[in-house]
């Protein structure tokens, strides 16, 4: 009986899936994943730019996959750096690095540009900005 009530309750009000780094806080943060995702954006941009002939179905399929991977990794890089921004960096870090807010803001804007366009300069700048934020992150860990 109780099992049937639970099934009915689950159907009427299903629980959604929550995604989070962790909110304990665990203290495990690392900008490496964001930087690696940005490197993937660079590589996918290279592959897109190298794709000249999309007359075959296979070539079109590959192009679509490159674009999808570029967009997915740009979003991942943005998400990863925003978690560090919101969960790790504290007011004392902003005092020590007064340009940190602008660095993160500009990095996220570059991530959007990389997602929306095929722009190698933006992809390279995106990765460089994440590396700069990563450098600050590691300096604050000392």
N, C-alpha and C. Protein backbone atom coordinates (compact mmCIF):
# COMPACT_ATOMS: atom_id res chain seq x y z
N UNK A 1 0.82 -1.20 0.00
CA UNK A 1 0.00 0.00 0.00
C UNK A 1 0.87 1.26 0.00
N UNK A 2 1.84 1.29 0.92
CA UNK A 2 2.71 2.46 1.03
C UNK A 2 3.50 2.67 -0.26
N UNK A 3 3.90 1.58 -0.88
CA UNK A 3 4.63 1.66 -2.14
C UNK A 3 3.77 2.30 -3.23
N UNK A 4 2.50 1.96 -3.27
CA UNK A 4 1.59 2.53 -4.27
C UNK A 4 1.39 4.02 -4.04
N UNK A 5 1.30 4.42 -2.78
CA UNK A 5 1.15 5.84 -2.44
C UNK A 5 2.40 6.60 -2.89
N UNK A 6 3.58 6.03 -2.66
CA UNK A 6 4.83 6.67 -3.06
C UNK A 6 4.90 6.81 -4.58
N UNK A 7 4.53 5.76 -5.30
CA UNK A 7 4.53 5.84 -6.78
C UNK A 7 3.60 6.93 -7.27
N UNK A 8 2.41 7.00 -6.68
CA UNK A 8 1.45 8.02 -7.06
C UNK A 8 2.00 9.42 -6.77
N UNK A 9 2.60 9.59 -5.60
CA UNK A 9 3.19 10.89 -5.24
C UNK A 9 4.31 11.27 -6.19
N UNK A 10 5.14 10.29 -6.58
CA UNK A 10 6.23 10.57 -7.53
C UNK A 10 5.69 11.00 -8.88
N UNK A 11 4.59 10.42 -9.31
CA UNK A 11 4.00 10.80 -10.60
C UNK A 11 3.36 12.18 -10.56
N UNK A 12 2.74 12.49 -9.45
CA UNK A 12 2.06 13.77 -9.33
C UNK A 12 3.03 14.93 -9.12
N UNK A 13 4.13 14.66 -8.42
CA UNK A 13 5.09 15.71 -8.12
C UNK A 13 6.50 15.14 -8.21
N UNK A 14 6.98 14.91 -9.44
CA UNK A 14 8.32 14.32 -9.56
C UNK A 14 9.40 15.31 -9.15
N UNK A 15 10.46 14.77 -8.58
CA UNK A 15 11.58 15.59 -8.19
C UNK A 15 12.46 15.85 -9.41
N UNK A 16 12.94 17.06 -9.54
CA UNK A 16 13.87 17.39 -10.60
C UNK A 16 15.28 17.00 -10.18
N UNK A 17 16.16 17.04 -11.13
CA UNK A 17 17.56 16.74 -10.87
C UNK A 17 18.28 18.04 -10.60
N UNK A 18 19.00 18.12 -9.50
CA UNK A 18 19.76 19.31 -9.16
C UNK A 18 21.22 19.08 -9.53
N UNK A 19 21.82 20.08 -10.15
CA UNK A 19 23.23 20.01 -10.51
C UNK A 19 23.98 21.09 -9.74
N UNK A 20 25.05 20.69 -9.10
CA UNK A 20 25.86 21.65 -8.35
C UNK A 20 27.25 21.09 -8.18
N UNK A 21 28.21 21.97 -7.99
CA UNK A 21 29.56 21.49 -7.68
C UNK A 21 29.49 20.80 -6.33
N UNK A 22 29.08 21.53 -5.36
CA UNK A 22 28.81 21.00 -4.03
C UNK A 22 28.50 22.21 -3.18
N UNK A 23 27.73 22.15 -2.22
CA UNK A 23 27.47 23.33 -1.40
C UNK A 23 27.77 23.04 0.06
N UNK A 24 28.84 22.29 0.27
CA UNK A 24 29.14 21.91 1.65
C UNK A 24 29.86 23.02 2.40
N UNK A 25 30.76 23.80 2.01
CA UNK A 25 31.61 23.73 0.81
C UNK A 25 32.76 22.73 1.02
N UNK A 26 33.11 22.07 -0.05
CA UNK A 26 34.14 21.04 0.04
C UNK A 26 35.55 21.61 0.00
N UNK A 27 35.68 22.78 -0.61
CA UNK A 27 37.00 23.39 -0.71
C UNK A 27 37.84 22.84 -1.84
N UNK A 28 37.23 22.02 -2.69
CA UNK A 28 37.97 21.45 -3.83
C UNK A 28 37.60 22.25 -5.07
N UNK A 29 38.49 23.12 -5.45
CA UNK A 29 38.30 23.95 -6.64
C UNK A 29 39.58 23.89 -7.46
N UNK A 30 39.44 23.93 -8.77
CA UNK A 30 40.60 23.87 -9.63
C UNK A 30 40.21 24.45 -10.99
N UNK A 31 40.89 25.50 -11.43
CA UNK A 31 40.56 26.09 -12.72
C UNK A 31 41.04 25.28 -13.92
N UNK A 32 41.76 24.19 -13.66
CA UNK A 32 42.31 23.38 -14.75
C UNK A 32 41.23 22.88 -15.71
N UNK A 33 40.10 22.44 -15.18
CA UNK A 33 39.03 21.92 -16.04
C UNK A 33 38.50 23.01 -16.98
N UNK A 34 38.37 24.23 -16.49
CA UNK A 34 37.91 25.33 -17.33
C UNK A 34 38.92 25.62 -18.43
N UNK A 35 40.19 25.61 -18.08
CA UNK A 35 41.25 25.89 -19.06
C UNK A 35 41.28 24.79 -20.12
N UNK A 36 41.14 23.55 -19.69
CA UNK A 36 41.13 22.43 -20.64
C UNK A 36 39.92 22.52 -21.56
N UNK A 37 38.77 22.90 -21.04
CA UNK A 37 37.58 23.07 -21.87
C UNK A 37 37.80 24.18 -22.90
N UNK A 38 38.47 25.25 -22.49
CA UNK A 38 38.77 26.34 -23.43
C UNK A 38 39.74 25.87 -24.51
N UNK A 39 40.67 24.99 -24.16
CA UNK A 39 41.58 24.42 -25.16
C UNK A 39 40.79 23.59 -26.17
N UNK A 40 39.79 22.88 -25.70
CA UNK A 40 38.92 22.13 -26.61
C UNK A 40 38.21 23.07 -27.56
N UNK A 41 37.78 24.23 -27.07
CA UNK A 41 37.14 25.23 -27.95
C UNK A 41 38.10 25.67 -29.05
N UNK A 42 39.36 25.85 -28.70
CA UNK A 42 40.36 26.24 -29.70
C UNK A 42 40.48 25.14 -30.75
N UNK A 43 40.59 23.90 -30.29
CA UNK A 43 40.75 22.78 -31.24
C UNK A 43 39.52 22.63 -32.13
N UNK A 44 38.33 22.75 -31.57
CA UNK A 44 37.12 22.63 -32.38
C UNK A 44 37.03 23.77 -33.39
N UNK A 45 37.45 24.96 -32.99
CA UNK A 45 37.47 26.09 -33.92
C UNK A 45 38.43 25.81 -35.06
N UNK A 46 39.59 25.24 -34.75
CA UNK A 46 40.55 24.85 -35.80
C UNK A 46 39.90 23.88 -36.78
N UNK A 47 39.25 22.86 -36.25
CA UNK A 47 38.62 21.85 -37.10
C UNK A 47 37.50 22.45 -37.95
N UNK A 48 36.73 23.34 -37.37
CA UNK A 48 35.66 24.00 -38.13
C UNK A 48 36.26 24.81 -39.27
N UNK A 49 37.30 25.57 -38.96
CA UNK A 49 37.93 26.41 -39.99
C UNK A 49 38.61 25.58 -41.07
N UNK A 50 39.07 24.38 -40.72
CA UNK A 50 39.70 23.49 -41.71
C UNK A 50 38.68 22.80 -42.62
N UNK A 51 37.44 22.76 -42.19
CA UNK A 51 36.40 22.08 -42.96
C UNK A 51 36.00 22.95 -44.14
N UNK A 52 36.41 22.55 -45.33
CA UNK A 52 36.14 23.32 -46.54
C UNK A 52 34.93 22.78 -47.30
N UNK A 53 34.93 21.48 -47.51
CA UNK A 53 33.91 20.86 -48.34
C UNK A 53 32.93 20.09 -47.44
N UNK A 54 31.70 20.56 -47.40
CA UNK A 54 30.68 19.86 -46.60
C UNK A 54 29.62 19.25 -47.51
N UNK A 55 30.06 18.85 -48.70
CA UNK A 55 29.10 18.27 -49.65
C UNK A 55 28.72 16.84 -49.26
N UNK A 56 29.57 16.16 -48.51
CA UNK A 56 29.22 14.79 -48.11
C UNK A 56 28.51 14.81 -46.75
N UNK A 57 27.71 13.80 -46.57
CA UNK A 57 26.98 13.66 -45.31
C UNK A 57 27.93 13.52 -44.13
N UNK A 58 29.02 12.76 -44.31
CA UNK A 58 30.00 12.58 -43.25
C UNK A 58 30.67 13.88 -42.85
N UNK A 59 31.01 14.71 -43.83
CA UNK A 59 31.64 16.00 -43.54
C UNK A 59 30.68 16.92 -42.80
N UNK A 60 29.42 16.92 -43.21
CA UNK A 60 28.42 17.75 -42.52
C UNK A 60 28.23 17.25 -41.08
N UNK A 61 28.21 15.94 -40.92
CA UNK A 61 28.08 15.36 -39.59
C UNK A 61 29.24 15.80 -38.70
N UNK A 62 30.46 15.72 -39.23
CA UNK A 62 31.62 16.13 -38.44
C UNK A 62 31.54 17.60 -38.07
N UNK A 63 31.15 18.44 -39.02
CA UNK A 63 31.03 19.87 -38.75
C UNK A 63 30.03 20.13 -37.62
N UNK A 64 28.91 19.46 -37.67
CA UNK A 64 27.90 19.62 -36.62
C UNK A 64 28.46 19.18 -35.27
N UNK A 65 29.21 18.09 -35.26
CA UNK A 65 29.81 17.61 -34.03
C UNK A 65 30.84 18.60 -33.49
N UNK A 66 31.64 19.19 -34.37
CA UNK A 66 32.64 20.18 -33.94
C UNK A 66 31.96 21.39 -33.29
N UNK A 67 30.91 21.86 -33.94
CA UNK A 67 30.18 23.02 -33.41
C UNK A 67 29.57 22.68 -32.05
N UNK A 68 28.95 21.51 -31.95
CA UNK A 68 28.35 21.10 -30.68
C UNK A 68 29.37 20.99 -29.56
N UNK A 69 30.52 20.39 -29.87
CA UNK A 69 31.57 20.24 -28.86
C UNK A 69 32.11 21.60 -28.44
N UNK A 70 32.29 22.51 -29.40
CA UNK A 70 32.78 23.86 -29.09
C UNK A 70 31.82 24.56 -28.15
N UNK A 71 30.53 24.48 -28.45
CA UNK A 71 29.54 25.16 -27.60
C UNK A 71 29.45 24.51 -26.22
N UNK A 72 29.48 23.20 -26.17
CA UNK A 72 29.41 22.49 -24.90
C UNK A 72 30.60 22.83 -24.01
N UNK A 73 31.79 22.85 -24.58
CA UNK A 73 32.99 23.12 -23.77
C UNK A 73 33.10 24.60 -23.38
N UNK A 74 32.62 25.49 -24.22
CA UNK A 74 32.60 26.91 -23.83
C UNK A 74 31.68 27.10 -22.63
N UNK A 75 30.53 26.44 -22.65
CA UNK A 75 29.61 26.53 -21.52
C UNK A 75 30.23 25.91 -20.27
N UNK A 76 30.88 24.77 -20.42
CA UNK A 76 31.52 24.11 -19.28
C UNK A 76 32.59 25.01 -18.67
N UNK A 77 33.41 25.62 -19.51
CA UNK A 77 34.46 26.50 -19.01
C UNK A 77 33.85 27.67 -18.23
N UNK A 78 32.80 28.26 -18.79
CA UNK A 78 32.13 29.36 -18.10
C UNK A 78 31.56 28.88 -16.76
N UNK A 79 30.88 27.76 -16.78
CA UNK A 79 30.29 27.23 -15.54
C UNK A 79 31.35 26.96 -14.49
N UNK A 80 32.45 26.35 -14.90
CA UNK A 80 33.51 26.01 -13.95
C UNK A 80 34.11 27.27 -13.33
N UNK A 81 34.35 28.28 -14.14
CA UNK A 81 34.98 29.49 -13.60
C UNK A 81 33.98 30.28 -12.74
N UNK A 82 32.70 30.20 -13.09
CA UNK A 82 31.69 30.88 -12.26
C UNK A 82 31.55 30.21 -10.90
N UNK A 83 31.71 28.89 -10.85
CA UNK A 83 31.67 28.21 -9.54
C UNK A 83 32.82 28.70 -8.67
N UNK A 84 34.00 28.79 -9.26
CA UNK A 84 35.15 29.31 -8.50
C UNK A 84 34.89 30.75 -8.08
N UNK A 85 34.33 31.53 -8.97
CA UNK A 85 34.05 32.94 -8.68
C UNK A 85 33.05 33.07 -7.53
N UNK A 86 31.97 32.31 -7.58
CA UNK A 86 30.92 32.49 -6.58
C UNK A 86 31.17 31.73 -5.29
N UNK A 87 31.86 30.60 -5.37
CA UNK A 87 32.01 29.76 -4.18
C UNK A 87 33.38 29.87 -3.51
N UNK A 88 34.41 30.20 -4.28
CA UNK A 88 35.75 30.23 -3.70
C UNK A 88 36.23 31.64 -3.37
N UNK A 89 36.21 32.52 -4.37
CA UNK A 89 36.77 33.87 -4.16
C UNK A 89 35.97 34.62 -3.11
N UNK A 90 36.70 35.30 -2.24
CA UNK A 90 36.11 36.04 -1.11
C UNK A 90 36.48 37.52 -1.23
N UNK A 91 35.86 38.38 -0.41
CA UNK A 91 36.17 39.81 -0.47
C UNK A 91 37.67 40.12 -0.32
N UNK A 92 38.36 39.35 0.52
CA UNK A 92 39.80 39.61 0.69
C UNK A 92 40.58 39.34 -0.60
N UNK A 93 40.08 38.42 -1.44
CA UNK A 93 40.73 38.18 -2.73
C UNK A 93 40.53 39.38 -3.66
N UNK A 94 39.35 39.98 -3.59
CA UNK A 94 39.09 41.17 -4.41
C UNK A 94 39.94 42.35 -3.95
N UNK A 95 40.19 42.43 -2.66
CA UNK A 95 41.07 43.49 -2.18
C UNK A 95 42.48 43.29 -2.70
N UNK A 96 42.91 42.05 -2.72
CA UNK A 96 44.26 41.73 -3.18
C UNK A 96 44.38 41.83 -4.70
N UNK A 97 43.31 41.50 -5.41
CA UNK A 97 43.28 41.52 -6.88
C UNK A 97 42.06 42.32 -7.33
N UNK A 98 42.15 43.65 -7.32
CA UNK A 98 40.98 44.48 -7.60
C UNK A 98 40.40 44.31 -9.00
N UNK A 99 41.16 43.76 -9.94
CA UNK A 99 40.64 43.57 -11.30
C UNK A 99 39.98 42.20 -11.48
N UNK A 100 39.88 41.41 -10.42
CA UNK A 100 39.37 40.05 -10.52
C UNK A 100 37.93 40.00 -11.03
N UNK A 101 37.09 40.88 -10.52
CA UNK A 101 35.69 40.91 -10.97
C UNK A 101 35.62 41.14 -12.48
N UNK A 102 36.37 42.11 -12.96
CA UNK A 102 36.36 42.41 -14.40
C UNK A 102 36.95 41.26 -15.22
N UNK A 103 37.98 40.60 -14.69
CA UNK A 103 38.58 39.46 -15.39
C UNK A 103 37.55 38.34 -15.57
N UNK A 104 36.83 38.01 -14.52
CA UNK A 104 35.84 36.94 -14.60
C UNK A 104 34.71 37.35 -15.53
N UNK A 105 34.25 38.56 -15.40
CA UNK A 105 33.16 39.07 -16.23
C UNK A 105 33.54 39.02 -17.70
N UNK A 106 34.74 39.51 -18.02
CA UNK A 106 35.19 39.50 -19.41
C UNK A 106 35.43 38.08 -19.92
N UNK A 107 35.94 37.20 -19.07
CA UNK A 107 36.14 35.81 -19.48
C UNK A 107 34.81 35.17 -19.84
N UNK A 108 33.79 35.42 -19.06
CA UNK A 108 32.47 34.85 -19.35
C UNK A 108 31.87 35.43 -20.62
N UNK A 109 32.09 36.70 -20.86
CA UNK A 109 31.62 37.30 -22.12
C UNK A 109 32.36 36.68 -23.30
N UNK A 110 33.66 36.44 -23.15
CA UNK A 110 34.42 35.77 -24.21
C UNK A 110 33.91 34.36 -24.43
N UNK A 111 33.56 33.67 -23.36
CA UNK A 111 32.99 32.33 -23.50
C UNK A 111 31.72 32.33 -24.32
N UNK A 112 30.89 33.33 -24.11
CA UNK A 112 29.67 33.46 -24.92
C UNK A 112 30.01 33.73 -26.38
N UNK A 113 30.99 34.57 -26.60
CA UNK A 113 31.42 34.87 -27.97
C UNK A 113 31.95 33.61 -28.66
N UNK A 114 32.70 32.80 -27.93
CA UNK A 114 33.24 31.56 -28.49
C UNK A 114 32.10 30.60 -28.82
N UNK A 115 31.09 30.54 -27.96
CA UNK A 115 29.94 29.67 -28.23
C UNK A 115 29.21 30.11 -29.49
N UNK A 116 29.01 31.39 -29.65
CA UNK A 116 28.14 31.91 -30.70
C UNK A 116 28.81 32.07 -32.05
N UNK A 117 30.12 32.08 -32.09
CA UNK A 117 30.83 32.39 -33.33
C UNK A 117 31.94 31.37 -33.59
N UNK A 118 32.51 31.48 -34.76
CA UNK A 118 33.72 30.72 -35.10
C UNK A 118 34.82 31.77 -35.17
N UNK A 119 35.45 32.04 -34.04
CA UNK A 119 36.38 33.15 -33.89
C UNK A 119 37.61 32.66 -33.13
N UNK A 120 38.67 32.36 -33.88
CA UNK A 120 39.88 31.82 -33.26
C UNK A 120 40.49 32.81 -32.27
N UNK A 121 40.50 34.09 -32.62
CA UNK A 121 41.07 35.08 -31.70
C UNK A 121 40.33 35.09 -30.36
N UNK A 122 39.01 35.02 -30.42
CA UNK A 122 38.21 34.99 -29.19
C UNK A 122 38.48 33.71 -28.40
N UNK A 123 38.63 32.59 -29.10
CA UNK A 123 38.89 31.32 -28.42
C UNK A 123 40.24 31.36 -27.69
N UNK A 124 41.24 31.90 -28.34
CA UNK A 124 42.57 32.02 -27.73
C UNK A 124 42.53 32.99 -26.55
N UNK A 125 41.84 34.10 -26.72
CA UNK A 125 41.72 35.09 -25.65
C UNK A 125 40.93 34.52 -24.47
N UNK A 126 39.92 33.72 -24.76
CA UNK A 126 39.12 33.06 -23.72
C UNK A 126 40.02 32.19 -22.85
N UNK A 127 40.80 31.35 -23.49
CA UNK A 127 41.70 30.47 -22.73
C UNK A 127 42.71 31.29 -21.93
N UNK A 128 43.28 32.33 -22.54
CA UNK A 128 44.26 33.16 -21.84
C UNK A 128 43.64 33.83 -20.61
N UNK A 129 42.39 34.27 -20.73
CA UNK A 129 41.74 34.92 -19.59
C UNK A 129 41.49 33.92 -18.47
N UNK A 130 41.14 32.69 -18.83
CA UNK A 130 40.95 31.65 -17.80
C UNK A 130 42.27 31.29 -17.14
N UNK A 131 43.34 31.28 -17.93
CA UNK A 131 44.66 31.02 -17.35
C UNK A 131 45.05 32.13 -16.38
N UNK A 132 44.72 33.36 -16.71
CA UNK A 132 45.02 34.48 -15.81
C UNK A 132 44.23 34.36 -14.50
N UNK A 133 42.96 34.00 -14.61
CA UNK A 133 42.15 33.78 -13.41
C UNK A 133 42.71 32.60 -12.61
N UNK A 134 43.13 31.56 -13.33
CA UNK A 134 43.72 30.40 -12.67
C UNK A 134 44.99 30.76 -11.92
N UNK A 135 45.80 31.63 -12.51
CA UNK A 135 47.03 32.07 -11.85
C UNK A 135 46.70 32.79 -10.54
N UNK A 136 45.70 33.66 -10.59
CA UNK A 136 45.28 34.36 -9.38
C UNK A 136 44.76 33.36 -8.35
N UNK A 137 43.96 32.41 -8.82
CA UNK A 137 43.42 31.39 -7.93
C UNK A 137 44.55 30.69 -7.17
N UNK A 138 45.57 30.23 -7.91
CA UNK A 138 46.67 29.50 -7.26
C UNK A 138 47.48 30.40 -6.34
N UNK A 139 47.60 31.68 -6.68
CA UNK A 139 48.30 32.61 -5.78
C UNK A 139 47.55 32.77 -4.46
N UNK A 140 46.22 32.74 -4.51
CA UNK A 140 45.44 32.88 -3.29
C UNK A 140 45.48 31.63 -2.44
N UNK A 141 45.84 30.51 -3.02
CA UNK A 141 45.91 29.24 -2.29
C UNK A 141 47.19 29.11 -1.47
N UNK A 142 48.18 29.96 -1.73
CA UNK A 142 49.46 29.86 -1.02
C UNK A 142 49.37 30.41 0.38
